[in-house]
Amino acid sequence: MSAHIYLEGGGGSKELDIRCREGFRKLLQSCGFEEQRRMPRLFASGGRDSAFDDFSNAHANNPAGEYIAMWIDSEEPLADDENTWEHLNNVTTVSRWNRPAGASDDQVLFMTTCMETLLVSDHDSLRRYFGNKLQEPSLPPLVNLEHRSRQDIQNQLVHATRECPKAYSKGKQSFEILAMLTPVVLERYLPSFRRVRRILNEKL
């Protein structure tokens, strides 16, 4: 089945859009979707609302029955990994989104609670990227990572890299690290990533 995934990320410049798509593409390749027929088309939508708008438009104009999804931050911990539209309708930190007609829960792929949760779950990749000045004890504990607030995750990653030559900042670095991540490590710590991989294996 042909698939289109709208990503929360990029925006602001063509270069950042390219880096966003490339980061997610390399992660999916590491998951085993390297064959062209199993690689979804990826679109860097920029901000969260833009990703929802792009997804909604594509979903409404999908006569061929292709798999259309968005891959976005959950922003808050999930009460239930599978009830994604209920979460989006109830989440308090962002605009509530109603489920488009005919949309299913498996069309929403989450980074819980944010992309940085993916990054901090893979300490080996962080060490390769940041070098020996990475303050690993300052990273969030690997237990129940998805129950931590996105602010805590992001702040602790910045703090752990404060003495590195290229301390962490959102944007270009996010996608460079994303491209280096090891899926088996992410699956060990992140139920939402296990769900993403399971759904894409079913759909692609």
N, C-alpha and C. Protein backbone atom coordinates (compact mmCIF):
# COMPACT_ATOMS: atom_id res chain seq x y z
N MET A 1 0.84 -1.20 0.00
CA MET A 1 0.00 0.00 0.00
C MET A 1 0.88 1.25 0.00
N SER A 2 0.52 2.21 -0.83
CA SER A 2 1.21 3.49 -0.83
C SER A 2 0.85 4.26 0.44
N ALA A 3 1.81 4.99 0.99
CA ALA A 3 1.59 5.67 2.26
C ALA A 3 2.18 7.08 2.22
N HIS A 4 1.51 7.98 2.92
CA HIS A 4 1.95 9.36 3.07
C HIS A 4 1.92 9.71 4.55
N ILE A 5 3.04 10.22 5.07
CA ILE A 5 3.11 10.60 6.47
C ILE A 5 3.50 12.07 6.57
N TYR A 6 2.68 12.83 7.30
CA TYR A 6 2.92 14.26 7.52
C TYR A 6 3.57 14.44 8.88
N LEU A 7 4.74 15.04 8.88
CA LEU A 7 5.60 15.11 10.05
C LEU A 7 5.49 16.46 10.75
N GLU A 8 5.42 16.43 12.06
CA GLU A 8 5.62 17.66 12.82
C GLU A 8 7.12 17.92 12.88
N GLY A 9 7.57 18.93 12.16
CA GLY A 9 9.00 19.21 12.10
C GLY A 9 9.34 19.92 10.83
N GLY A 10 10.50 20.53 10.81
CA GLY A 10 10.88 21.35 9.67
C GLY A 10 10.21 22.70 9.76
N GLY A 11 9.94 23.28 8.61
CA GLY A 11 9.34 24.61 8.61
C GLY A 11 10.40 25.68 8.75
N GLY A 12 10.16 26.80 8.17
CA GLY A 12 11.08 27.93 8.29
C GLY A 12 12.08 28.04 7.17
N SER A 13 12.50 26.91 6.61
CA SER A 13 13.44 26.95 5.49
C SER A 13 13.39 25.63 4.73
N LYS A 14 13.77 25.68 3.47
CA LYS A 14 13.81 24.47 2.66
C LYS A 14 14.84 23.49 3.21
N GLU A 15 15.97 24.02 3.70
CA GLU A 15 17.02 23.15 4.24
C GLU A 15 16.51 22.37 5.45
N LEU A 16 15.77 23.03 6.35
CA LEU A 16 15.26 22.35 7.53
C LEU A 16 14.22 21.30 7.16
N ASP A 17 13.41 21.60 6.16
CA ASP A 17 12.44 20.60 5.68
C ASP A 17 13.17 19.36 5.17
N ILE A 18 14.24 19.57 4.41
CA ILE A 18 15.00 18.44 3.87
C ILE A 18 15.62 17.63 5.01
N ARG A 19 16.20 18.32 5.99
CA ARG A 19 16.82 17.62 7.12
C ARG A 19 15.78 16.85 7.92
N CYS A 20 14.61 17.41 8.08
CA CYS A 20 13.54 16.72 8.79
C CYS A 20 13.16 15.43 8.08
N ARG A 21 12.88 15.52 6.79
CA ARG A 21 12.51 14.32 6.03
C ARG A 21 13.63 13.29 6.05
N GLU A 22 14.87 13.76 5.93
CA GLU A 22 16.00 12.83 5.90
C GLU A 22 16.18 12.12 7.25
N GLY A 23 16.00 12.85 8.34
CA GLY A 23 16.13 12.24 9.65
C GLY A 23 15.11 11.12 9.86
N PHE A 24 13.86 11.41 9.53
CA PHE A 24 12.82 10.39 9.68
C PHE A 24 13.02 9.25 8.68
N ARG A 25 13.47 9.58 7.47
CA ARG A 25 13.69 8.53 6.47
C ARG A 25 14.77 7.55 6.93
N LYS A 26 15.85 8.08 7.47
CA LYS A 26 16.93 7.20 7.93
C LYS A 26 16.48 6.35 9.11
N LEU A 27 15.67 6.91 9.99
CA LEU A 27 15.14 6.12 11.09
C LEU A 27 14.27 4.98 10.56
N LEU A 28 13.43 5.27 9.58
CA LEU A 28 12.58 4.23 9.01
C LEU A 28 13.40 3.19 8.25
N GLN A 29 14.45 3.63 7.60
CA GLN A 29 15.34 2.67 6.94
C GLN A 29 15.96 1.73 7.96
N SER A 30 16.35 2.27 9.11
CA SER A 30 16.91 1.43 10.16
C SER A 30 15.88 0.45 10.72
N CYS A 31 14.59 0.77 10.56
CA CYS A 31 13.52 -0.12 10.98
C CYS A 31 13.25 -1.23 9.96
N GLY A 32 13.90 -1.16 8.80
CA GLY A 32 13.71 -2.18 7.79
C GLY A 32 12.82 -1.78 6.64
N PHE A 33 12.49 -0.51 6.55
CA PHE A 33 11.64 -0.04 5.46
C PHE A 33 12.47 0.55 4.32
N GLU A 34 13.66 -0.02 4.09
CA GLU A 34 14.56 0.58 3.12
C GLU A 34 14.14 0.34 1.68
N GLU A 35 13.36 -0.72 1.44
CA GLU A 35 12.93 -0.96 0.08
C GLU A 35 11.98 0.15 -0.36
N GLN A 36 12.11 0.58 -1.61
CA GLN A 36 11.33 1.71 -2.10
C GLN A 36 9.83 1.47 -1.94
N ARG A 37 9.40 0.24 -2.18
CA ARG A 37 7.96 -0.03 -2.12
C ARG A 37 7.44 0.00 -0.68
N ARG A 38 8.32 -0.05 0.32
CA ARG A 38 7.89 -0.02 1.70
C ARG A 38 8.24 1.29 2.40
N MET A 39 8.76 2.24 1.67
CA MET A 39 9.11 3.52 2.28
C MET A 39 7.98 4.52 2.00
N PRO A 40 7.33 5.02 3.05
CA PRO A 40 6.27 6.01 2.83
C PRO A 40 6.83 7.33 2.31
N ARG A 41 5.99 8.09 1.65
CA ARG A 41 6.38 9.45 1.29
C ARG A 41 6.25 10.32 2.53
N LEU A 42 7.29 11.07 2.81
CA LEU A 42 7.36 11.88 4.02
C LEU A 42 7.27 13.36 3.67
N PHE A 43 6.49 14.08 4.45
CA PHE A 43 6.29 15.52 4.21
C PHE A 43 6.56 16.27 5.51
N ALA A 44 7.48 17.21 5.47
CA ALA A 44 7.78 18.04 6.63
C ALA A 44 6.78 19.19 6.66
N SER A 45 5.86 19.14 7.60
CA SER A 45 4.77 20.12 7.62
C SER A 45 5.10 21.36 8.42
N GLY A 46 6.16 21.31 9.21
CA GLY A 46 6.46 22.45 10.07
C GLY A 46 5.77 22.28 11.41
N GLY A 47 5.00 23.28 11.80
CA GLY A 47 4.36 23.26 13.12
C GLY A 47 3.26 22.23 13.25
N ARG A 48 2.83 22.06 14.47
CA ARG A 48 1.84 21.05 14.83
C ARG A 48 0.51 21.26 14.10
N ASP A 49 0.01 22.47 14.11
CA ASP A 49 -1.27 22.73 13.44
C ASP A 49 -1.16 22.52 11.93
N SER A 50 -0.01 22.85 11.36
CA SER A 50 0.19 22.64 9.92
C SER A 50 0.19 21.15 9.59
N ALA A 51 0.79 20.35 10.46
CA ALA A 51 0.78 18.90 10.24
C ALA A 51 -0.65 18.37 10.26
N PHE A 52 -1.45 18.85 11.20
CA PHE A 52 -2.85 18.43 11.25
C PHE A 52 -3.61 18.87 10.01
N ASP A 53 -3.41 20.11 9.58
CA ASP A 53 -4.10 20.60 8.39
C ASP A 53 -3.70 19.81 7.15
N ASP A 54 -2.40 19.54 7.00
CA ASP A 54 -1.93 18.76 5.84
C ASP A 54 -2.52 17.35 5.87
N PHE A 55 -2.51 16.74 7.04
CA PHE A 55 -3.09 15.41 7.17
C PHE A 55 -4.58 15.42 6.84
N SER A 56 -5.30 16.37 7.39
CA SER A 56 -6.75 16.42 7.19
C SER A 56 -7.10 16.58 5.71
N ASN A 57 -6.36 17.46 5.03
CA ASN A 57 -6.62 17.66 3.60
C ASN A 57 -6.32 16.39 2.80
N ALA A 58 -5.20 15.74 3.11
CA ALA A 58 -4.84 14.52 2.39
C ALA A 58 -5.85 13.41 2.68
N HIS A 59 -6.28 13.31 3.93
CA HIS A 59 -7.25 12.28 4.31
C HIS A 59 -8.58 12.49 3.58
N ALA A 60 -8.99 13.75 3.45
CA ALA A 60 -10.27 14.05 2.80
C ALA A 60 -10.22 13.84 1.29
N ASN A 61 -9.04 13.83 0.73
CA ASN A 61 -8.88 13.69 -0.73
C ASN A 61 -8.06 12.45 -1.04
N ASN A 62 -8.54 11.31 -0.58
CA ASN A 62 -7.80 10.07 -0.70
C ASN A 62 -8.66 8.99 -1.36
N PRO A 63 -9.04 9.19 -2.61
CA PRO A 63 -9.93 8.22 -3.27
C PRO A 63 -9.29 6.86 -3.49
N ALA A 64 -7.96 6.81 -3.49
CA ALA A 64 -7.28 5.54 -3.78
C ALA A 64 -7.17 4.65 -2.55
N GLY A 65 -7.59 5.14 -1.38
CA GLY A 65 -7.51 4.32 -0.18
C GLY A 65 -6.10 4.13 0.33
N GLU A 66 -5.20 5.11 0.09
CA GLU A 66 -3.84 5.00 0.58
C GLU A 66 -3.80 5.23 2.09
N TYR A 67 -2.71 4.78 2.71
CA TYR A 67 -2.54 5.01 4.13
C TYR A 67 -2.01 6.43 4.33
N ILE A 68 -2.79 7.25 5.01
CA ILE A 68 -2.44 8.63 5.30
C ILE A 68 -2.29 8.76 6.81
N ALA A 69 -1.17 9.33 7.27
CA ALA A 69 -0.95 9.45 8.71
C ALA A 69 -0.21 10.75 9.02
N MET A 70 -0.24 11.11 10.29
CA MET A 70 0.62 12.19 10.77
C MET A 70 1.42 11.65 11.94
N TRP A 71 2.67 12.11 12.02
CA TRP A 71 3.59 11.67 13.08
C TRP A 71 3.97 12.92 13.86
N ILE A 72 3.44 13.04 15.06
CA ILE A 72 3.49 14.30 15.80
C ILE A 72 3.83 14.05 17.27
N ASP A 73 4.19 15.13 17.97
CA ASP A 73 4.37 15.05 19.41
C ASP A 73 3.01 14.84 20.09
N SER A 74 3.00 14.02 21.14
CA SER A 74 1.76 13.90 21.91
C SER A 74 1.58 15.09 22.85
N GLU A 75 2.66 15.81 23.12
CA GLU A 75 2.67 16.99 24.00
C GLU A 75 2.47 16.64 25.46
N GLU A 76 1.61 15.69 25.77
CA GLU A 76 1.37 15.25 27.14
C GLU A 76 1.42 13.73 27.18
N PRO A 77 1.70 13.14 28.34
CA PRO A 77 1.66 11.67 28.44
C PRO A 77 0.30 11.13 28.02
N LEU A 78 0.31 9.91 27.51
CA LEU A 78 -0.91 9.28 27.01
C LEU A 78 -1.58 8.44 28.08
N ALA A 79 -2.88 8.57 28.21
CA ALA A 79 -3.64 7.68 29.08
C ALA A 79 -3.77 6.30 28.44
N ASP A 80 -3.88 6.28 27.11
CA ASP A 80 -4.03 5.04 26.35
C ASP A 80 -3.34 5.24 25.01
N ASP A 81 -2.30 4.45 24.72
CA ASP A 81 -1.54 4.61 23.49
C ASP A 81 -2.39 4.48 22.24
N GLU A 82 -3.46 3.69 22.31
CA GLU A 82 -4.24 3.38 21.11
C GLU A 82 -5.35 4.38 20.83
N ASN A 83 -5.84 5.08 21.85
CA ASN A 83 -6.94 6.03 21.66
C ASN A 83 -6.39 7.42 21.33
N THR A 84 -5.81 7.52 20.15
CA THR A 84 -5.07 8.73 19.81
C THR A 84 -5.97 9.94 19.58
N TRP A 85 -7.11 9.75 18.94
CA TRP A 85 -7.97 10.90 18.68
C TRP A 85 -8.61 11.41 19.97
N GLU A 86 -8.91 10.51 20.88
CA GLU A 86 -9.41 10.95 22.18
C GLU A 86 -8.38 11.82 22.88
N HIS A 87 -7.10 11.41 22.80
CA HIS A 87 -6.03 12.22 23.40
C HIS A 87 -5.98 13.60 22.75
N LEU A 88 -6.02 13.64 21.42
CA LEU A 88 -5.90 14.92 20.72
C LEU A 88 -7.09 15.83 21.00
N ASN A 89 -8.23 15.24 21.27
CA ASN A 89 -9.41 16.05 21.56
C ASN A 89 -9.40 16.58 22.98
N ASN A 90 -8.61 15.93 23.86
CA ASN A 90 -8.62 16.29 25.27
C ASN A 90 -7.36 16.99 25.75
N VAL A 91 -6.27 16.93 24.96
CA VAL A 91 -5.01 17.47 25.43
C VAL A 91 -5.16 18.96 25.74
N THR A 92 -4.61 19.38 26.85
CA THR A 92 -4.90 20.72 27.35
C THR A 92 -3.86 21.76 26.96
N THR A 93 -2.68 21.30 26.50
CA THR A 93 -1.61 22.26 26.26
C THR A 93 -1.64 22.84 24.86
N VAL A 94 -2.48 22.28 23.99
CA VAL A 94 -2.54 22.75 22.61
C VAL A 94 -3.99 22.81 22.17
N SER A 95 -4.21 23.29 20.95
CA SER A 95 -5.56 23.32 20.42
C SER A 95 -6.12 21.90 20.33
N ARG A 96 -7.35 21.72 20.76
CA ARG A 96 -7.98 20.41 20.65
C ARG A 96 -8.38 20.17 19.20
N TRP A 97 -8.15 18.95 18.75
CA TRP A 97 -8.48 18.60 17.37
C TRP A 97 -9.55 17.53 17.36
N ASN A 98 -10.58 17.72 16.57
CA ASN A 98 -11.60 16.71 16.39
C ASN A 98 -11.19 15.75 15.28
N ARG A 99 -11.59 14.51 15.42
CA ARG A 99 -11.26 13.48 14.43
C ARG A 99 -11.96 13.79 13.11
N PRO A 100 -11.21 13.88 12.00
CA PRO A 100 -11.87 14.04 10.70
C PRO A 100 -12.74 12.83 10.38
N ALA A 101 -13.77 13.04 9.61
CA ALA A 101 -14.69 11.96 9.27
C ALA A 101 -13.93 10.79 8.65
N GLY A 102 -14.13 9.62 9.21
CA GLY A 102 -13.52 8.42 8.66
C GLY A 102 -12.09 8.15 9.10
N ALA A 103 -11.50 9.04 9.87
CA ALA A 103 -10.11 8.84 10.31
C ALA A 103 -10.06 7.82 11.44
N SER A 104 -9.03 7.01 11.44
CA SER A 104 -8.88 5.97 12.46
C SER A 104 -7.72 6.31 13.40
N ASP A 105 -7.70 5.65 14.56
CA ASP A 105 -6.65 5.90 15.54
C ASP A 105 -5.27 5.55 15.00
N ASP A 106 -5.19 4.55 14.11
CA ASP A 106 -3.86 4.17 13.62
C ASP A 106 -3.32 5.12 12.55
N GLN A 107 -4.05 6.19 12.27
CA GLN A 107 -3.51 7.23 11.38
C GLN A 107 -2.76 8.31 12.15
N VAL A 108 -2.77 8.22 13.47
CA VAL A 108 -2.03 9.15 14.32
C VAL A 108 -0.86 8.40 14.94
N LEU A 109 0.35 8.82 14.62
CA LEU A 109 1.57 8.25 15.17
C LEU A 109 2.17 9.28 16.12
N PHE A 110 2.52 8.83 17.32
CA PHE A 110 2.96 9.78 18.34
C PHE A 110 4.44 9.61 18.67
N MET A 111 5.09 10.75 18.91
CA MET A 111 6.33 10.82 19.66
C MET A 111 5.91 11.31 21.05
N THR A 112 6.00 10.44 22.04
CA THR A 112 5.47 10.75 23.37
C THR A 112 6.63 11.02 24.34
N THR A 113 6.70 12.24 24.87
CA THR A 113 5.77 13.32 24.63
C THR A 113 6.26 14.26 23.52
N CYS A 114 7.49 14.06 23.07
CA CYS A 114 8.09 14.93 22.07
C CYS A 114 9.22 14.18 21.37
N MET A 115 9.77 14.77 20.31
CA MET A 115 10.86 14.12 19.59
C MET A 115 12.06 13.86 20.49
N GLU A 116 12.31 14.76 21.41
CA GLU A 116 13.48 14.60 22.28
C GLU A 116 13.39 13.33 23.13
N THR A 117 12.18 12.82 23.37
CA THR A 117 12.06 11.55 24.09
C THR A 117 12.72 10.43 23.30
N LEU A 118 12.55 10.45 21.98
CA LEU A 118 13.25 9.47 21.14
C LEU A 118 14.76 9.61 21.32
N LEU A 119 15.23 10.84 21.30
CA LEU A 119 16.67 11.08 21.34
C LEU A 119 17.28 10.62 22.65
N VAL A 120 16.65 10.96 23.78
CA VAL A 120 17.27 10.65 25.07
C VAL A 120 17.16 9.17 25.42
N SER A 121 16.38 8.41 24.69
CA SER A 121 16.27 6.98 24.98
C SER A 121 17.48 6.19 24.47
N ASP A 122 18.26 6.78 23.58
CA ASP A 122 19.39 6.08 22.95
C ASP A 122 20.70 6.73 23.36
N HIS A 123 21.22 6.33 24.49
CA HIS A 123 22.43 6.95 25.03
C HIS A 123 23.64 6.71 24.14
N ASP A 124 23.73 5.55 23.52
CA ASP A 124 24.88 5.28 22.65
C ASP A 124 24.93 6.27 21.50
N SER A 125 23.80 6.53 20.88
CA SER A 125 23.77 7.48 19.76
C SER A 125 24.11 8.89 20.23
N LEU A 126 23.63 9.26 21.40
CA LEU A 126 23.97 10.58 21.94
C LEU A 126 25.47 10.70 22.19
N ARG A 127 26.09 9.63 22.70
CA ARG A 127 27.54 9.68 22.93
C ARG A 127 28.29 9.81 21.61
N ARG A 128 27.84 9.10 20.59
CA ARG A 128 28.50 9.22 19.28
C ARG A 128 28.37 10.63 18.73
N TYR A 129 27.25 11.24 18.95
CA TYR A 129 27.01 12.57 18.38
C TYR A 129 27.71 13.67 19.18
N PHE A 130 27.60 13.63 20.50
CA PHE A 130 28.09 14.74 21.32
C PHE A 130 29.51 14.54 21.85
N GLY A 131 29.99 13.31 21.86
CA GLY A 131 31.35 13.07 22.33
C GLY A 131 31.43 12.86 23.83
N ASN A 132 32.67 12.86 24.34
CA ASN A 132 32.89 12.45 25.73
C ASN A 132 32.55 13.53 26.76
N LYS A 133 32.14 14.69 26.30
CA LYS A 133 31.72 15.72 27.26
C LYS A 133 30.22 15.66 27.57
N LEU A 134 29.53 14.71 26.96
CA LEU A 134 28.13 14.50 27.29
C LEU A 134 28.02 14.10 28.76
N GLN A 135 27.19 14.79 29.51
CA GLN A 135 26.97 14.49 30.93
C GLN A 135 25.81 13.49 31.04
N GLU A 136 26.14 12.23 30.85
CA GLU A 136 25.10 11.21 30.78
C GLU A 136 24.24 11.13 32.04
N PRO A 137 24.81 11.30 33.25
CA PRO A 137 23.95 11.24 34.45
C PRO A 137 22.88 12.34 34.47
N SER A 138 23.06 13.39 33.68
CA SER A 138 22.07 14.47 33.65
C SER A 138 20.89 14.16 32.73
N LEU A 139 21.00 13.10 31.94
CA LEU A 139 19.89 12.70 31.08
C LEU A 139 18.76 12.11 31.92
N PRO A 140 17.53 12.16 31.42
CA PRO A 140 16.42 11.57 32.18
C PRO A 140 16.62 10.07 32.38
N PRO A 141 16.20 9.53 33.51
CA PRO A 141 16.24 8.08 33.69
C PRO A 141 15.42 7.39 32.60
N LEU A 142 15.85 6.19 32.23
CA LEU A 142 15.21 5.49 31.13
C LEU A 142 13.91 4.79 31.52
N VAL A 143 13.58 4.81 32.79
CA VAL A 143 12.34 4.19 33.24
C VAL A 143 11.18 5.18 33.07
N ASN A 144 10.11 4.72 32.44
CA ASN A 144 8.90 5.54 32.27
C ASN A 144 9.18 6.87 31.58
N LEU A 145 10.01 6.83 30.56
CA LEU A 145 10.34 8.07 29.85
C LEU A 145 9.10 8.78 29.31
N GLU A 146 8.14 8.00 28.82
CA GLU A 146 6.98 8.62 28.18
C GLU A 146 6.01 9.24 29.18
N HIS A 147 6.26 9.08 30.46
CA HIS A 147 5.43 9.72 31.47
C HIS A 147 6.02 11.05 31.93
N ARG A 148 7.14 11.42 31.39
CA ARG A 148 7.79 12.68 31.76
C ARG A 148 7.31 13.80 30.86
N SER A 149 7.27 15.00 31.39
CA SER A 149 6.81 16.14 30.59
C SER A 149 7.84 16.47 29.51
N ARG A 150 7.36 17.02 28.43
CA ARG A 150 8.28 17.38 27.35
C ARG A 150 9.26 18.46 27.80
N GLN A 151 8.83 19.34 28.70
CA GLN A 151 9.73 20.38 29.20
C GLN A 151 10.91 19.75 29.96
N ASP A 152 10.61 18.76 30.78
CA ASP A 152 11.67 18.10 31.54
C ASP A 152 12.64 17.37 30.60
N ILE A 153 12.09 16.66 29.64
CA ILE A 153 12.93 15.93 28.69
C ILE A 153 13.85 16.89 27.95
N GLN A 154 13.29 17.95 27.42
CA GLN A 154 14.08 18.90 26.64
C GLN A 154 15.11 19.61 27.51
N ASN A 155 14.70 20.04 28.69
CA ASN A 155 15.63 20.76 29.57
C ASN A 155 16.78 19.86 30.01
N GLN A 156 16.51 18.61 30.30
CA GLN A 156 17.57 17.71 30.76
C GLN A 156 18.54 17.38 29.62
N LEU A 157 18.03 17.29 28.39
CA LEU A 157 18.92 17.06 27.25
C LEU A 157 19.84 18.27 27.04
N VAL A 158 19.28 19.46 27.12
CA VAL A 158 20.11 20.67 27.00
C VAL A 158 21.15 20.70 28.12
N HIS A 159 20.74 20.38 29.33
CA HIS A 159 21.66 20.42 30.47
C HIS A 159 22.77 19.39 30.32
N ALA A 160 22.44 18.21 29.83
CA ALA A 160 23.44 17.15 29.69
C ALA A 160 24.48 17.46 28.62
N THR A 161 24.16 18.36 27.70
CA THR A 161 25.07 18.68 26.59
C THR A 161 25.70 20.07 26.74
N ARG A 162 25.52 20.68 27.89
CA ARG A 162 25.92 22.09 28.04
C ARG A 162 27.42 22.29 27.86
N GLU A 163 28.25 21.28 28.12
CA GLU A 163 29.70 21.43 27.98
C GLU A 163 30.23 20.86 26.67
N CYS A 164 29.33 20.38 25.84
CA CYS A 164 29.75 19.81 24.56
C CYS A 164 30.05 20.91 23.54
N PRO A 165 30.92 20.65 22.57
CA PRO A 165 31.20 21.66 21.55
C PRO A 165 29.95 22.13 20.79
N LYS A 166 28.99 21.24 20.62
CA LYS A 166 27.73 21.62 19.97
C LYS A 166 26.59 21.21 20.88
N ALA A 167 26.31 22.03 21.89
CA ALA A 167 25.24 21.76 22.84
C ALA A 167 23.91 21.64 22.11
N TYR A 168 23.00 20.85 22.66
CA TYR A 168 21.76 20.55 21.95
C TYR A 168 20.89 21.79 21.77
N SER A 169 20.34 21.90 20.58
CA SER A 169 19.29 22.88 20.30
C SER A 169 18.35 22.26 19.28
N LYS A 170 17.07 22.65 19.37
CA LYS A 170 16.08 22.09 18.46
C LYS A 170 16.35 22.54 17.03
N GLY A 171 15.94 21.70 16.09
CA GLY A 171 16.12 22.04 14.68
C GLY A 171 17.07 21.08 13.99
N LYS A 172 18.09 21.60 13.37
CA LYS A 172 19.04 20.80 12.60
C LYS A 172 19.60 19.64 13.41
N GLN A 173 20.02 19.91 14.65
CA GLN A 173 20.61 18.85 15.47
C GLN A 173 19.61 17.74 15.75
N SER A 174 18.36 18.11 15.99
CA SER A 174 17.34 17.11 16.29
C SER A 174 17.29 16.05 15.20
N PHE A 175 17.29 16.49 13.95
CA PHE A 175 17.14 15.57 12.83
C PHE A 175 18.43 14.79 12.56
N GLU A 176 19.57 15.41 12.83
CA GLU A 176 20.84 14.68 12.69
C GLU A 176 20.91 13.52 13.67
N ILE A 177 20.49 13.77 14.91
CA ILE A 177 20.51 12.70 15.92
C ILE A 177 19.44 11.66 15.60
N LEU A 178 18.27 12.12 15.18
CA LEU A 178 17.18 11.20 14.82
C LEU A 178 17.66 10.17 13.80
N ALA A 179 18.45 10.61 12.84
CA ALA A 179 18.94 9.73 11.78
C ALA A 179 19.89 8.66 12.30
N MET A 180 20.46 8.87 13.49
CA MET A 180 21.45 7.94 14.05
C MET A 180 20.84 6.91 14.99
N LEU A 181 19.58 7.07 15.36
CA LEU A 181 19.00 6.26 16.42
C LEU A 181 18.87 4.79 16.02
N THR A 182 18.91 3.93 17.05
CA THR A 182 18.81 2.49 16.85
C THR A 182 17.41 2.03 17.25
N PRO A 183 16.60 1.56 16.30
CA PRO A 183 15.20 1.22 16.61
C PRO A 183 15.02 0.22 17.75
N VAL A 184 15.89 -0.78 17.84
CA VAL A 184 15.71 -1.78 18.90
C VAL A 184 15.85 -1.15 20.28
N VAL A 185 16.67 -0.11 20.40
CA VAL A 185 16.82 0.60 21.68
C VAL A 185 15.57 1.42 21.95
N LEU A 186 15.06 2.11 20.95
CA LEU A 186 13.84 2.90 21.13
C LEU A 186 12.67 2.01 21.54
N GLU A 187 12.57 0.85 20.92
CA GLU A 187 11.48 -0.06 21.25
C GLU A 187 11.58 -0.56 22.70
N ARG A 188 12.78 -0.68 23.21
CA ARG A 188 12.96 -1.17 24.58
C ARG A 188 12.34 -0.23 25.59
N TYR A 189 12.39 1.08 25.33
CA TYR A 189 11.98 2.06 26.32
C TYR A 189 10.70 2.83 25.98
N LEU A 190 10.26 2.78 24.73
CA LEU A 190 9.18 3.67 24.30
C LEU A 190 8.02 2.90 23.68
N PRO A 191 6.93 2.71 24.42
CA PRO A 191 5.76 2.03 23.87
C PRO A 191 5.21 2.71 22.60
N SER A 192 5.27 4.03 22.55
CA SER A 192 4.74 4.72 21.36
C SER A 192 5.54 4.38 20.11
N PHE A 193 6.85 4.20 20.27
CA PHE A 193 7.65 3.84 19.10
C PHE A 193 7.36 2.41 18.70
N ARG A 194 7.16 1.51 19.65
CA ARG A 194 6.77 0.14 19.31
C ARG A 194 5.47 0.15 18.51
N ARG A 195 4.56 1.02 18.92
CA ARG A 195 3.28 1.12 18.21
C ARG A 195 3.48 1.63 16.78
N VAL A 196 4.30 2.65 16.61
CA VAL A 196 4.56 3.17 15.26
C VAL A 196 5.11 2.07 14.36
N ARG A 197 6.08 1.35 14.86
CA ARG A 197 6.70 0.31 14.03
C ARG A 197 5.70 -0.80 13.71
N ARG A 198 4.85 -1.16 14.69
CA ARG A 198 3.85 -2.20 14.44
C ARG A 198 2.85 -1.77 13.38
N ILE A 199 2.38 -0.54 13.48
CA ILE A 199 1.38 -0.05 12.51
C ILE A 199 1.99 0.03 11.12
N LEU A 200 3.19 0.57 11.01
CA LEU A 200 3.80 0.69 9.68
C LEU A 200 4.09 -0.69 9.09
N ASN A 201 4.45 -1.65 9.90
CA ASN A 201 4.62 -3.01 9.39
C ASN A 201 3.32 -3.57 8.85
N GLU A 202 2.22 -3.20 9.46
CA GLU A 202 0.90 -3.67 8.99
C GLU A 202 0.46 -2.94 7.72
N LYS A 203 0.83 -1.67 7.60
CA LYS A 203 0.30 -0.85 6.51
C LYS A 203 1.16 -0.84 5.27
N LEU A 204 2.46 -1.05 5.41
CA LEU A 204 3.36 -0.87 4.26
C LEU A 204 3.67 -2.20 3.58
